[in-house]
Amino acid sequence: MSATLVAKGLSGGHAHRTLFADLDLTVAPGDVVGVVGANGAGKSTLLSLLAGRAAPLAGSVTTAPSDAFVGWLPQEHERRPGETVGAYLARRTGAAAATGAMEATAADLGS
């Protein structure tokens, strides 16, 4: 599935500190985006907001189609003992849950 991610007027930060404000960003199918900045500039905060893991101070993040999901892989790993890299990536990005739901729906349609 192809999807588009749109952030409008996005502001992010922690408690009393705003790291970025009024950000507009569109990521369309096939786009490649790099996020570069100094430690503490808000890179991880931005990615967390885009993935829906945190609430923005202002603005919105939407996807089209609306049921698309954004995989998010934090910089700190929490691999489970015996877990393969593929299983870790699927679990941490949300792909495992989405694949399970898709397979269950396909099975129901085939009944």
PDB file of N, CA and C in Angstrom:
ATOM      1  N   MET A   1       0.849  -1.172   0.000  1.00  0.00           N
ATOM      2  CA  MET A   1       0.000   0.000   0.000  1.00  0.00           C
ATOM      3  C   MET A   1       0.893   1.233   0.000  1.00  0.00           C
ATOM      4  N   SER A   2       0.571   2.191  -0.816  1.00  0.00           N
ATOM      5  CA  SER A   2       1.262   3.471  -0.819  1.00  0.00           C
ATOM      6  C   SER A   2       0.505   4.444   0.070  1.00  0.00           C
ATOM      7  N   ALA A   3       1.229   5.276   0.760  1.00  0.00           N
ATOM      8  CA  ALA A   3       0.586   6.244   1.657  1.00  0.00           C
ATOM      9  C   ALA A   3       1.361   7.555   1.635  1.00  0.00           C
ATOM     10  N   THR A   4       0.672   8.606   2.040  1.00  0.00           N
ATOM     11  CA  THR A   4       1.278   9.920   2.165  1.00  0.00           C
ATOM     12  C   THR A   4       1.138  10.377   3.605  1.00  0.00           C
ATOM     13  N   LEU A   5       2.200  10.939   4.140  1.00  0.00           N
ATOM     14  CA  LEU A   5       2.237  11.467   5.505  1.00  0.00           C
ATOM     15  C   LEU A   5       2.290  12.988   5.419  1.00  0.00           C
ATOM     16  N   VAL A   6       1.393  13.663   6.153  1.00  0.00           N
ATOM     17  CA  VAL A   6       1.340  15.126   6.107  1.00  0.00           C
ATOM     18  C   VAL A   6       1.362  15.680   7.526  1.00  0.00           C
ATOM     19  N   ALA A   7       2.311  16.562   7.800  1.00  0.00           N
ATOM     20  CA  ALA A   7       2.365  17.294   9.071  1.00  0.00           C
ATOM     21  C   ALA A   7       2.102  18.762   8.753  1.00  0.00           C
ATOM     22  N   LYS A   8       1.189  19.364   9.513  1.00  0.00           N
ATOM     23  CA  LYS A   8       0.854  20.778   9.295  1.00  0.00           C
ATOM     24  C   LYS A   8       0.953  21.540  10.610  1.00  0.00           C
ATOM     25  N   GLY A   9       1.736  22.609  10.591  1.00  0.00           N
ATOM     26  CA  GLY A   9       1.865  23.461  11.769  1.00  0.00           C
ATOM     27  C   GLY A   9       2.364  22.721  12.989  1.00  0.00           C
ATOM     28  N   LEU A  10       3.193  21.695  12.786  1.00  0.00           N
ATOM     29  CA  LEU A  10       3.627  20.810  13.862  1.00  0.00           C
ATOM     30  C   LEU A  10       4.648  21.488  14.771  1.00  0.00           C
ATOM     31  N   SER A  11       4.397  21.411  16.068  1.00  0.00           N
ATOM     32  CA  SER A  11       5.339  21.902  17.080  1.00  0.00           C
ATOM     33  C   SER A  11       5.579  20.785  18.068  1.00  0.00           C
ATOM     34  N   GLY A  12       6.827  20.626  18.471  1.00  0.00           N
ATOM     35  CA  GLY A  12       7.162  19.560  19.406  1.00  0.00           C
ATOM     36  C   GLY A  12       8.203  19.988  20.407  1.00  0.00           C
ATOM     37  N   GLY A  13       8.193  19.329  21.535  1.00  0.00           N
ATOM     38  CA  GLY A  13       9.152  19.620  22.586  1.00  0.00           C
ATOM     39  C   GLY A  13       8.789  18.867  23.847  1.00  0.00           C
ATOM     40  N   HIS A  14       9.337  19.297  24.947  1.00  0.00           N
ATOM     41  CA  HIS A  14       9.128  18.642  26.231  1.00  0.00           C
ATOM     42  C   HIS A  14       8.862  19.702  27.288  1.00  0.00           C
ATOM     43  N   ALA A  15       7.744  19.548  27.986  1.00  0.00           N
ATOM     44  CA  ALA A  15       7.372  20.438  29.092  1.00  0.00           C
ATOM     45  C   ALA A  15       7.476  21.906  28.677  1.00  0.00           C
ATOM     46  N   HIS A  16       8.455  22.603  29.206  1.00  0.00           N
ATOM     47  CA  HIS A  16       8.592  24.043  28.966  1.00  0.00           C
ATOM     48  C   HIS A  16       9.470  24.388  27.757  1.00  0.00           C
ATOM     49  N   ARG A  17      10.029  23.395  27.089  1.00  0.00           N
ATOM     50  CA  ARG A  17      10.986  23.658  26.002  1.00  0.00           C
ATOM     51  C   ARG A  17      10.432  23.228  24.648  1.00  0.00           C
ATOM     52  N   THR A  18      10.209  24.167  23.773  1.00  0.00           N
ATOM     53  CA  THR A  18       9.781  23.875  22.405  1.00  0.00           C
ATOM     54  C   THR A  18      11.029  23.674  21.556  1.00  0.00           C
ATOM     55  N   LEU A  19      11.108  22.520  20.896  1.00  0.00           N
ATOM     56  CA  LEU A  19      12.282  22.203  20.074  1.00  0.00           C
ATOM     57  C   LEU A  19      12.121  22.660  18.627  1.00  0.00           C
ATOM     58  N   PHE A  20      10.901  22.618  18.117  1.00  0.00           N
ATOM     59  CA  PHE A  20      10.612  23.118  16.771  1.00  0.00           C
ATOM     60  C   PHE A  20       9.151  23.541  16.736  1.00  0.00           C
ATOM     61  N   ALA A  21       8.852  24.481  15.847  1.00  0.00           N
ATOM     62  CA  ALA A  21       7.489  25.016  15.784  1.00  0.00           C
ATOM     63  C   ALA A  21       7.069  25.267  14.345  1.00  0.00           C
ATOM     64  N   ASP A  22       5.778  25.106  14.100  1.00  0.00           N
ATOM     65  CA  ASP A  22       5.135  25.438  12.827  1.00  0.00           C
ATOM     66  C   ASP A  22       5.776  24.723  11.637  1.00  0.00           C
ATOM     67  N   LEU A  23       6.055  23.439  11.803  1.00  0.00           N
ATOM     68  CA  LEU A  23       6.676  22.636  10.753  1.00  0.00           C
ATOM     69  C   LEU A  23       5.605  22.093   9.814  1.00  0.00           C
ATOM     70  N   ASP A  24       5.795  22.283   8.521  1.00  0.00           N
ATOM     71  CA  ASP A  24       4.952  21.681   7.495  1.00  0.00           C
ATOM     72  C   ASP A  24       5.813  20.694   6.719  1.00  0.00           C
ATOM     73  N   LEU A  25       5.305  19.468   6.557  1.00  0.00           N
ATOM     74  CA  LEU A  25       6.069  18.423   5.880  1.00  0.00           C
ATOM     75  C   LEU A  25       5.109  17.479   5.188  1.00  0.00           C
ATOM     76  N   THR A  26       5.412  17.133   3.948  1.00  0.00           N
ATOM     77  CA  THR A  26       4.661  16.110   3.226  1.00  0.00           C
ATOM     78  C   THR A  26       5.655  15.082   2.721  1.00  0.00           C
ATOM     79  N   VAL A  27       5.387  13.812   3.040  1.00  0.00           N
ATOM     80  CA  VAL A  27       6.210  12.712   2.553  1.00  0.00           C
ATOM     81  C   VAL A  27       5.303  11.828   1.707  1.00  0.00           C
ATOM     82  N   ALA A  28       5.546  11.831   0.407  1.00  0.00           N
ATOM     83  CA  ALA A  28       4.732  11.087  -0.546  1.00  0.00           C
ATOM     84  C   ALA A  28       5.418   9.770  -0.896  1.00  0.00           C
ATOM     85  N   PRO A  29       4.687   8.842  -1.490  1.00  0.00           N
ATOM     86  CA  PRO A  29       5.295   7.569  -1.894  1.00  0.00           C
ATOM     87  C   PRO A  29       6.544   7.802  -2.738  1.00  0.00           C
ATOM     88  N   GLY A  30       7.612   7.105  -2.391  1.00  0.00           N
ATOM     89  CA  GLY A  30       8.869   7.228  -3.110  1.00  0.00           C
ATOM     90  C   GLY A  30       9.813   8.290  -2.575  1.00  0.00           C
ATOM     91  N   ASP A  31       9.310   9.161  -1.696  1.00  0.00           N
ATOM     92  CA  ASP A  31      10.177  10.193  -1.112  1.00  0.00           C
ATOM     93  C   ASP A  31      11.168   9.581  -0.132  1.00  0.00           C
ATOM     94  N   VAL A  32      12.341  10.161  -0.078  1.00  0.00           N
ATOM     95  CA  VAL A  32      13.348   9.797   0.913  1.00  0.00           C
ATOM     96  C   VAL A  32      13.700  11.074   1.662  1.00  0.00           C
ATOM     97  N   VAL A  33      13.575  11.036   2.988  1.00  0.00           N
ATOM     98  CA  VAL A  33      13.798  12.229   3.800  1.00  0.00           C
ATOM     99  C   VAL A  33      14.854  11.930   4.845  1.00  0.00           C
ATOM    100  N   GLY A  34      15.797  12.829   5.008  1.00  0.00           N
ATOM    101  CA  GLY A  34      16.806  12.711   6.057  1.00  0.00           C
ATOM    102  C   GLY A  34      16.558  13.772   7.117  1.00  0.00           C
ATOM    103  N   VAL A  35      16.768  13.404   8.361  1.00  0.00           N
ATOM    104  CA  VAL A  35      16.611  14.352   9.466  1.00  0.00           C
ATOM    105  C   VAL A  35      17.975  14.485  10.131  1.00  0.00           C
ATOM    106  N   VAL A  36      18.536  15.685  10.077  1.00  0.00           N
ATOM    107  CA  VAL A  36      19.883  15.925  10.578  1.00  0.00           C
ATOM    108  C   VAL A  36      19.850  17.092  11.566  1.00  0.00           C
ATOM    109  N   GLY A  37      20.583  16.974  12.644  1.00  0.00           N
ATOM    110  CA  GLY A  37      20.661  18.067  13.613  1.00  0.00           C
ATOM    111  C   GLY A  37      21.527  17.673  14.786  1.00  0.00           C
ATOM    112  N   ALA A  38      21.842  18.647  15.590  1.00  0.00           N
ATOM    113  CA  ALA A  38      22.667  18.425  16.774  1.00  0.00           C
ATOM    114  C   ALA A  38      21.897  17.618  17.821  1.00  0.00           C
ATOM    115  N   ASN A  39      22.635  17.033  18.769  1.00  0.00           N
ATOM    116  CA  ASN A  39      21.980  16.342  19.880  1.00  0.00           C
ATOM    117  C   ASN A  39      21.034  17.299  20.583  1.00  0.00           C
ATOM    118  N   GLY A  40      19.811  16.826  20.843  1.00  0.00           N
ATOM    119  CA  GLY A  40      18.844  17.643  21.556  1.00  0.00           C
ATOM    120  C   GLY A  40      18.067  18.607  20.684  1.00  0.00           C
ATOM    121  N   ALA A  41      18.274  18.557  19.369  1.00  0.00           N
ATOM    122  CA  ALA A  41      17.597  19.493  18.469  1.00  0.00           C
ATOM    123  C   ALA A  41      16.137  19.129  18.217  1.00  0.00           C
ATOM    124  N   GLY A  42      15.762  17.867  18.470  1.00  0.00           N
ATOM    125  CA  GLY A  42      14.378  17.455  18.293  1.00  0.00           C
ATOM    126  C   GLY A  42      14.153  16.403  17.219  1.00  0.00           C
ATOM    127  N   LYS A  43      15.221  15.767  16.738  1.00  0.00           N
ATOM    128  CA  LYS A  43      15.077  14.754  15.693  1.00  0.00           C
ATOM    129  C   LYS A  43      14.216  13.585  16.162  1.00  0.00           C
ATOM    130  N   SER A  44      14.541  13.007  17.293  1.00  0.00           N
ATOM    131  CA  SER A  44      13.773  11.872  17.815  1.00  0.00           C
ATOM    132  C   SER A  44      12.362  12.293  18.189  1.00  0.00           C
ATOM    133  N   THR A  45      12.212  13.490  18.708  1.00  0.00           N
ATOM    134  CA  THR A  45      10.886  14.009  19.050  1.00  0.00           C
ATOM    135  C   THR A  45      10.037  14.123  17.786  1.00  0.00           C
ATOM    136  N   LEU A  46      10.602  14.658  16.717  1.00  0.00           N
ATOM    137  CA  LEU A  46       9.888  14.783  15.450  1.00  0.00           C
ATOM    138  C   LEU A  46       9.444  13.413  14.948  1.00  0.00           C
ATOM    139  N   LEU A  47      10.351  12.454  14.918  1.00  0.00           N
ATOM    140  CA  LEU A  47      10.013  11.128  14.408  1.00  0.00           C
ATOM    141  C   LEU A  47       8.958  10.452  15.279  1.00  0.00           C
ATOM    142  N   SER A  48       9.032  10.654  16.576  1.00  0.00           N
ATOM    143  CA  SER A  48       8.027  10.115  17.490  1.00  0.00           C
ATOM    144  C   SER A  48       6.649  10.723  17.210  1.00  0.00           C
ATOM    145  N   LEU A  49       6.600  12.012  16.936  1.00  0.00           N
ATOM    146  CA  LEU A  49       5.338  12.675  16.605  1.00  0.00           C
ATOM    147  C   LEU A  49       4.780  12.176  15.275  1.00  0.00           C
ATOM    148  N   LEU A  50       5.643  12.043  14.269  1.00  0.00           N
ATOM    149  CA  LEU A  50       5.199  11.580  12.965  1.00  0.00           C
ATOM    150  C   LEU A  50       4.641  10.159  13.026  1.00  0.00           C
ATOM    151  N   ALA A  51       5.181   9.350  13.933  1.00  0.00           N
ATOM    152  CA  ALA A  51       4.714   7.971  14.083  1.00  0.00           C
ATOM    153  C   ALA A  51       3.509   7.854  15.001  1.00  0.00           C
ATOM    154  N   GLY A  52       3.085   8.964  15.600  1.00  0.00           N
ATOM    155  CA  GLY A  52       1.927   8.922  16.492  1.00  0.00           C
ATOM    156  C   GLY A  52       2.226   8.398  17.875  1.00  0.00           C
ATOM    157  N   ARG A  53       3.491   8.344  18.237  1.00  0.00           N
ATOM    158  CA  ARG A  53       3.897   7.844  19.558  1.00  0.00           C
ATOM    159  C   ARG A  53       3.778   8.911  20.642  1.00  0.00           C
ATOM    160  N   ALA A  54       3.706  10.159  20.244  1.00  0.00           N
ATOM    161  CA  ALA A  54       3.599  11.268  21.197  1.00  0.00           C
ATOM    162  C   ALA A  54       2.642  12.304  20.612  1.00  0.00           C
ATOM    163  N   ALA A  55       2.111  13.138  21.489  1.00  0.00           N
ATOM    164  CA  ALA A  55       1.188  14.194  21.062  1.00  0.00           C
ATOM    165  C   ALA A  55       1.969  15.481  20.802  1.00  0.00           C
ATOM    166  N   PRO A  56       1.663  16.171  19.714  1.00  0.00           N
ATOM    167  CA  PRO A  56       2.357  17.430  19.419  1.00  0.00           C
ATOM    168  C   PRO A  56       1.914  18.552  20.352  1.00  0.00           C
ATOM    169  N   LEU A  57       2.773  19.543  20.521  1.00  0.00           N
ATOM    170  CA  LEU A  57       2.394  20.743  21.268  1.00  0.00           C
ATOM    171  C   LEU A  57       1.364  21.532  20.470  1.00  0.00           C
ATOM    172  N   ALA A  58       1.465  21.475  19.139  1.00  0.00           N
ATOM    173  CA  ALA A  58       0.509  22.126  18.244  1.00  0.00           C
ATOM    174  C   ALA A  58       0.602  21.445  16.893  1.00  0.00           C
ATOM    175  N   GLY A  59      -0.430  21.637  16.073  1.00  0.00           N
ATOM    176  CA  GLY A  59      -0.420  21.095  14.727  1.00  0.00           C
ATOM    177  C   GLY A  59      -0.995  19.698  14.652  1.00  0.00           C
ATOM    178  N   SER A  60      -0.846  19.096  13.470  1.00  0.00           N
ATOM    179  CA  SER A  60      -1.431  17.780  13.239  1.00  0.00           C
ATOM    180  C   SER A  60      -0.543  16.939  12.331  1.00  0.00           C
ATOM    181  N   VAL A  61      -0.736  15.622  12.451  1.00  0.00           N
ATOM    182  CA  VAL A  61      -0.082  14.650  11.582  1.00  0.00           C
ATOM    183  C   VAL A  61      -1.180  13.738  11.058  1.00  0.00           C
ATOM    184  N   THR A  62      -1.281  13.614   9.738  1.00  0.00           N
ATOM    185  CA  THR A  62      -2.280  12.745   9.137  1.00  0.00           C
ATOM    186  C   THR A  62      -1.636  11.879   8.068  1.00  0.00           C
ATOM    187  N   THR A  63      -2.321  10.788   7.756  1.00  0.00           N
ATOM    188  CA  THR A  63      -1.892   9.913   6.674  1.00  0.00           C
ATOM    189  C   THR A  63      -3.042   9.752   5.693  1.00  0.00           C
ATOM    190  N   ALA A  64      -2.705   9.513   4.460  1.00  0.00           N
ATOM    191  CA  ALA A  64      -3.697   9.190   3.445  1.00  0.00           C
ATOM    192  C   ALA A  64      -3.215   7.926   2.737  1.00  0.00           C
ATOM    193  N   PRO A  65      -3.944   6.839   2.827  1.00  0.00           N
ATOM    194  CA  PRO A  65      -5.245   6.694   3.457  1.00  0.00           C
ATOM    195  C   PRO A  65      -5.147   6.807   4.976  1.00  0.00           C
ATOM    196  N   SER A  66      -6.281   7.083   5.592  1.00  0.00           N
ATOM    197  CA  SER A  66      -6.294   7.353   7.032  1.00  0.00           C
ATOM    198  C   SER A  66      -5.908   6.140   7.876  1.00  0.00           C
ATOM    199  N   ASP A  67      -6.017   4.920   7.334  1.00  0.00           N
ATOM    200  CA  ASP A  67      -5.661   3.737   8.104  1.00  0.00           C
ATOM    201  C   ASP A  67      -4.207   3.294   7.890  1.00  0.00           C
ATOM    202  N   ALA A  68      -3.427   4.099   7.170  1.00  0.00           N
ATOM    203  CA  ALA A  68      -2.001   3.797   6.995  1.00  0.00           C
ATOM    204  C   ALA A  68      -1.292   3.957   8.342  1.00  0.00           C
ATOM    205  N   PHE A  69      -0.214   3.232   8.521  1.00  0.00           N
ATOM    206  CA  PHE A  69       0.544   3.374   9.754  1.00  0.00           C
ATOM    207  C   PHE A  69       1.978   3.767   9.439  1.00  0.00           C
ATOM    208  N   VAL A  70       2.616   4.385  10.409  1.00  0.00           N
ATOM    209  CA  VAL A  70       4.004   4.804  10.277  1.00  0.00           C
ATOM    210  C   VAL A  70       4.825   3.940  11.219  1.00  0.00           C
ATOM    211  N   GLY A  71       5.778   3.203  10.671  1.00  0.00           N
ATOM    212  CA  GLY A  71       6.656   2.402  11.512  1.00  0.00           C
ATOM    213  C   GLY A  71       7.657   3.298  12.206  1.00  0.00           C
ATOM    214  N   TRP A  72       7.939   2.979  13.443  1.00  0.00           N
ATOM    215  CA  TRP A  72       8.864   3.787  14.234  1.00  0.00           C
ATOM    216  C   TRP A  72       9.824   2.853  14.951  1.00  0.00           C
ATOM    217  N   LEU A  73      11.097   3.068  14.757  1.00  0.00           N
ATOM    218  CA  LEU A  73      12.125   2.242  15.374  1.00  0.00           C
ATOM    219  C   LEU A  73      12.993   3.145  16.242  1.00  0.00           C
ATOM    220  N   PRO A  74      12.847   3.077  17.570  1.00  0.00           N
ATOM    221  CA  PRO A  74      13.616   3.967  18.446  1.00  0.00           C
ATOM    222  C   PRO A  74      15.101   3.629  18.406  1.00  0.00           C
ATOM    223  N   GLN A  75      15.904   4.579  18.800  1.00  0.00           N
ATOM    224  CA  GLN A  75      17.347   4.351  18.759  1.00  0.00           C
ATOM    225  C   GLN A  75      17.822   3.375  19.829  1.00  0.00           C
ATOM    226  N   GLU A  76      17.075   3.219  20.911  1.00  0.00           N
ATOM    227  CA  GLU A  76      17.421   2.233  21.927  1.00  0.00           C
ATOM    228  C   GLU A  76      16.738   0.918  21.566  1.00  0.00           C
ATOM    229  N   HIS A  77      17.494  -0.137  21.480  1.00  0.00           N
ATOM    230  CA  HIS A  77      16.906  -1.425  21.117  1.00  0.00           C
ATOM    231  C   HIS A  77      16.424  -2.165  22.357  1.00  0.00           C
ATOM    232  N   GLU A  78      15.359  -2.930  22.171  1.00  0.00           N
ATOM    233  CA  GLU A  78      14.806  -3.753  23.248  1.00  0.00           C
ATOM    234  C   GLU A  78      14.531  -5.140  22.682  1.00  0.00           C
ATOM    235  N   ARG A  79      15.560  -5.774  22.169  1.00  0.00           N
ATOM    236  CA  ARG A  79      15.378  -7.077  21.565  1.00  0.00           C
ATOM    237  C   ARG A  79      15.127  -8.124  22.630  1.00  0.00           C
ATOM    238  N   ARG A  80      14.189  -9.008  22.358  1.00  0.00           N
ATOM    239  CA  ARG A  80      13.857 -10.077  23.294  1.00  0.00           C
ATOM    240  C   ARG A  80      14.815 -11.236  23.086  1.00  0.00           C
ATOM    241  N   PRO A  81      15.137 -11.971  24.146  1.00  0.00           N
ATOM    242  CA  PRO A  81      16.039 -13.118  23.994  1.00  0.00           C
ATOM    243  C   PRO A  81      15.522 -14.093  22.936  1.00  0.00           C
ATOM    244  N   GLY A  82      16.384 -14.463  21.997  1.00  0.00           N
ATOM    245  CA  GLY A  82      16.035 -15.405  20.954  1.00  0.00           C
ATOM    246  C   GLY A  82      15.265 -14.811  19.785  1.00  0.00           C
ATOM    247  N   GLU A  83      14.962 -13.522  19.830  1.00  0.00           N
ATOM    248  CA  GLU A  83      14.192 -12.878  18.767  1.00  0.00           C
ATOM    249  C   GLU A  83      15.087 -12.619  17.562  1.00  0.00           C
ATOM    250  N   THR A  84      14.587 -12.938  16.373  1.00  0.00           N
ATOM    251  CA  THR A  84      15.359 -12.661  15.159  1.00  0.00           C
ATOM    252  C   THR A  84      15.295 -11.173  14.841  1.00  0.00           C
ATOM    253  N   VAL A  85      16.210 -10.720  14.018  1.00  0.00           N
ATOM    254  CA  VAL A  85      16.205  -9.315  13.613  1.00  0.00           C
ATOM    255  C   VAL A  85      14.915  -8.996  12.852  1.00  0.00           C
ATOM    256  N   GLY A  86      14.492  -9.900  11.975  1.00  0.00           N
ATOM    257  CA  GLY A  86      13.251  -9.692  11.222  1.00  0.00           C
ATOM    258  C   GLY A  86      12.041  -9.580  12.138  1.00  0.00           C
ATOM    259  N   ALA A  87      11.964 -10.449  13.143  1.00  0.00           N
ATOM    260  CA  ALA A  87      10.844 -10.403  14.086  1.00  0.00           C
ATOM    261  C   ALA A  87      10.901  -9.124  14.926  1.00  0.00           C
ATOM    262  N   TYR A  88      12.102  -8.712  15.306  1.00  0.00           N
ATOM    263  CA  TYR A  88      12.258  -7.464  16.063  1.00  0.00           C
ATOM    264  C   TYR A  88      11.755  -6.270  15.263  1.00  0.00           C
ATOM    265  N   LEU A  89      12.179  -6.179  13.996  1.00  0.00           N
ATOM    266  CA  LEU A  89      11.757  -5.059  13.152  1.00  0.00           C
ATOM    267  C   LEU A  89      10.246  -5.066  12.943  1.00  0.00           C
ATOM    268  N   ALA A  90       9.678  -6.236  12.716  1.00  0.00           N
ATOM    269  CA  ALA A  90       8.230  -6.327  12.519  1.00  0.00           C
ATOM    270  C   ALA A  90       7.487  -5.879  13.773  1.00  0.00           C
ATOM    271  N   ARG A  91       7.946  -6.302  14.931  1.00  0.00           N
ATOM    272  CA  ARG A  91       7.291  -5.940  16.185  1.00  0.00           C
ATOM    273  C   ARG A  91       7.439  -4.460  16.486  1.00  0.00           C
ATOM    274  N   ARG A  92       8.635  -3.924  16.339  1.00  0.00           N
ATOM    275  CA  ARG A  92       8.892  -2.536  16.734  1.00  0.00           C
ATOM    276  C   ARG A  92       8.324  -1.510  15.761  1.00  0.00           C
ATOM    277  N   THR A  93       8.158  -1.855  14.496  1.00  0.00           N
ATOM    278  CA  THR A  93       7.636  -0.892  13.531  1.00  0.00           C
ATOM    279  C   THR A  93       6.127  -0.956  13.391  1.00  0.00           C
ATOM    280  N   GLY A  94       5.487  -1.960  13.983  1.00  0.00           N
ATOM    281  CA  GLY A  94       4.044  -2.112  13.858  1.00  0.00           C
ATOM    282  C   GLY A  94       3.646  -2.994  12.698  1.00  0.00           C
ATOM    283  N   ALA A  95       4.616  -3.462  11.939  1.00  0.00           N
ATOM    284  CA  ALA A  95       4.301  -4.289  10.781  1.00  0.00           C
ATOM    285  C   ALA A  95       3.728  -5.638  11.200  1.00  0.00           C
ATOM    286  N   ALA A  96       4.130  -6.187  12.330  1.00  0.00           N
ATOM    287  CA  ALA A  96       3.627  -7.489  12.772  1.00  0.00           C
ATOM    288  C   ALA A  96       2.131  -7.416  13.047  1.00  0.00           C
ATOM    289  N   ALA A  97       1.683  -6.392  13.744  1.00  0.00           N
ATOM    290  CA  ALA A  97       0.253  -6.245  14.052  1.00  0.00           C
ATOM    291  C   ALA A  97      -0.538  -6.015  12.770  1.00  0.00           C
ATOM    292  N   ALA A  98      -0.028  -5.178  11.886  1.00  0.00           N
ATOM    293  CA  ALA A  98      -0.727  -4.890  10.631  1.00  0.00           C
ATOM    294  C   ALA A  98      -0.800  -6.141   9.759  1.00  0.00           C
ATOM    295  N   THR A  99       0.273  -6.908   9.700  1.00  0.00           N
ATOM    296  CA  THR A  99       0.284  -8.144   8.913  1.00  0.00           C
ATOM    297  C   THR A  99      -0.692  -9.148   9.492  1.00  0.00           C
ATOM    298  N   GLY A 100      -0.730  -9.269  10.812  1.00  0.00           N
ATOM    299  CA  GLY A 100      -1.679 -10.186  11.461  1.00  0.00           C
ATOM    300  C   GLY A 100      -3.121  -9.818  11.155  1.00  0.00           C
ATOM    301  N   ALA A 101      -3.440  -8.529  11.216  1.00  0.00           N
ATOM    302  CA  ALA A 101      -4.800  -8.073  10.916  1.00  0.00           C
ATOM    303  C   ALA A 101      -5.148  -8.330   9.455  1.00  0.00           C
ATOM    304  N   MET A 102      -4.200  -8.092   8.560  1.00  0.00           N
ATOM    305  CA  MET A 102      -4.431  -8.309   7.140  1.00  0.00           C
ATOM    306  C   MET A 102      -4.650  -9.795   6.854  1.00  0.00           C
ATOM    307  N   GLU A 103      -3.852 -10.670   7.465  1.00  0.00           N
ATOM    308  CA  GLU A 103      -3.995 -12.102   7.252  1.00  0.00           C
ATOM    309  C   GLU A 103      -5.312 -12.625   7.820  1.00  0.00           C
ATOM    310  N   ALA A 104      -5.736 -12.101   8.969  1.00  0.00           N
ATOM    311  CA  ALA A 104      -7.009 -12.507   9.559  1.00  0.00           C
ATOM    312  C   ALA A 104      -8.178 -12.082   8.661  1.00  0.00           C
ATOM    313  N   THR A 105      -8.101 -10.882   8.115  1.00  0.00           N
ATOM    314  CA  THR A 105      -9.153 -10.403   7.216  1.00  0.00           C
ATOM    315  C   THR A 105      -9.196 -11.240   5.953  1.00  0.00           C
ATOM    316  N   ALA A 106      -8.025 -11.575   5.404  1.00  0.00           N
ATOM    317  CA  ALA A 106      -7.965 -12.405   4.197  1.00  0.00           C
ATOM    318  C   ALA A 106      -8.551 -13.786   4.468  1.00  0.00           C
ATOM    319  N   ALA A 107      -8.272 -14.339   5.654  1.00  0.00           N
ATOM    320  CA  ALA A 107      -8.822 -15.650   6.011  1.00  0.00           C
ATOM    321  C   ALA A 107     -10.338 -15.578   6.121  1.00  0.00           C
ATOM    322  N   ASP A 108     -10.856 -14.498   6.721  1.00  0.00           N
ATOM    323  CA  ASP A 108     -12.298 -14.325   6.851  1.00  0.00           C
ATOM    324  C   ASP A 108     -12.963 -14.197   5.482  1.00  0.00           C
ATOM    325  N   LEU A 109     -12.315 -13.510   4.559  1.00  0.00           N
ATOM    326  CA  LEU A 109     -12.876 -13.339   3.224  1.00  0.00           C
ATOM    327  C   LEU A 109     -12.871 -14.649   2.447  1.00  0.00           C
ATOM    328  N   GLY A 110     -11.925 -15.502   2.747  1.00  0.00           N
ATOM    329  CA  GLY A 110     -11.816 -16.787   2.056  1.00  0.00           C
ATOM    330  C   GLY A 110     -12.770 -17.832   2.594  1.00  0.00           C
ATOM    331  N   SER A 111     -13.399 -17.573   3.731  1.00  0.00           N
ATOM    332  CA  SER A 111     -14.310 -18.560   4.336  1.00  0.00           C
ATOM    333  C   SER A 111     -15.602 -18.676   3.586  1.00  0.00           C
TER     334      SER A 111
END
